[in-house]
Amino acid sequence: MSNPKHAGEPNPLPEDVARSIARAVRGLEYGSVEIIVHNSNVVQIERHERIRLQVPAVRAGDPVAGGNGAKA
């Protein structure tokens, strides 16, 4: 895949690599896809998915939420 005679020209991305990258991105709501390259070749694809949780509303007097400590 690497061509030292044309170092400034991009190498075409093999279809299997492009499919793997697309699969890593597909369905990812929050997160990142990291592509590791060595000698102009994709050698690793990492998918880091984040799951965002809904934070419940803070109630006055809730000791965990920092209220006044009164028990309900």
Protein backbone atom coordinates (compact mmCIF):
# COMPACT_ATOMS: atom_id res chain seq x y z
CA MET A 1 0.00 0.00 0.00
CA SER A 2 2.92 2.37 0.64
CA ASN A 3 4.63 3.85 -2.41
CA PRO A 4 7.89 5.66 -1.54
CA LYS A 5 8.21 7.15 -5.08
CA HIS A 6 5.00 9.13 -4.51
CA ALA A 7 5.30 9.96 -0.82
CA GLY A 8 3.13 13.09 -1.12
CA GLU A 9 0.26 11.32 -2.86
CA PRO A 10 -2.46 9.64 -0.78
CA ASN A 11 -2.79 5.89 -1.07
CA PRO A 12 -6.22 4.54 -1.92
CA LEU A 13 -8.00 3.10 1.10
CA PRO A 14 -8.70 -0.62 0.63
CA GLU A 15 -12.41 -1.43 0.59
CA ASP A 16 -12.19 -3.80 3.58
CA VAL A 17 -10.57 -1.04 5.67
CA ALA A 18 -13.20 1.50 4.57
CA ARG A 19 -15.95 -0.99 5.51
CA SER A 20 -14.36 -1.58 8.92
CA ILE A 21 -14.22 2.16 9.60
CA ALA A 22 -17.84 2.60 8.48
CA ARG A 23 -18.90 -0.31 10.74
CA ALA A 24 -17.09 1.31 13.71
CA VAL A 25 -18.89 4.63 13.14
CA ARG A 26 -22.32 3.13 12.40
CA GLY A 27 -24.71 3.46 15.32
CA LEU A 28 -22.27 5.46 17.42
CA GLU A 29 -24.31 8.12 19.22
CA TYR A 30 -21.57 9.55 21.45
CA GLY A 31 -17.91 8.61 21.34
CA SER A 32 -14.98 8.41 18.99
CA VAL A 33 -13.33 6.18 16.42
CA GLU A 34 -9.54 6.18 16.47
CA ILE A 35 -7.64 4.98 13.40
CA ILE A 36 -4.05 3.90 14.03
CA VAL A 37 -1.73 4.21 11.03
CA HIS A 38 1.79 2.79 10.67
CA ASN A 39 3.88 3.37 7.53
CA SER A 40 0.82 4.73 5.69
CA ASN A 41 -1.20 1.60 6.49
CA VAL A 42 -4.22 1.41 8.76
CA VAL A 43 -3.21 -1.17 11.36
CA GLN A 44 -5.87 -0.73 14.04
CA ILE A 45 -9.33 0.75 14.51
CA GLU A 46 -10.59 1.52 18.01
CA ARG A 47 -14.17 2.42 18.89
CA HIS A 48 -14.82 4.24 22.16
CA GLU A 49 -18.51 4.50 22.94
CA ARG A 50 -19.93 6.84 25.55
CA ILE A 51 -23.33 6.31 27.09
CA ARG A 52 -25.00 9.51 28.22
CA LEU A 53 -27.29 9.02 31.19
CA GLN A 54 -30.17 11.29 32.07
CA VAL A 55 -29.49 12.98 35.41
CA PRO A 56 -32.61 13.03 37.61
CA ALA A 57 -33.87 16.40 38.80
CA VAL A 58 -32.38 17.47 42.14
CA ARG A 59 -34.92 17.51 44.97
CA ALA A 60 -34.61 19.89 47.89
CA GLY A 61 -33.63 17.97 51.02
CA ASP A 62 -31.98 15.11 49.13
CA PRO A 63 -28.77 14.37 51.12
CA VAL A 64 -27.02 12.85 48.11
CA ALA A 65 -27.81 15.82 45.90
CA GLY A 66 -26.49 18.29 48.47
CA GLY A 67 -29.79 19.43 49.95
CA ASN A 68 -30.26 20.35 53.58
CA GLY A 69 -29.88 16.74 54.74
CA ALA A 70 -33.47 16.28 55.93
CA LYS A 71 -34.78 12.78 55.33
CA ALA A 72 -37.93 12.35 53.28
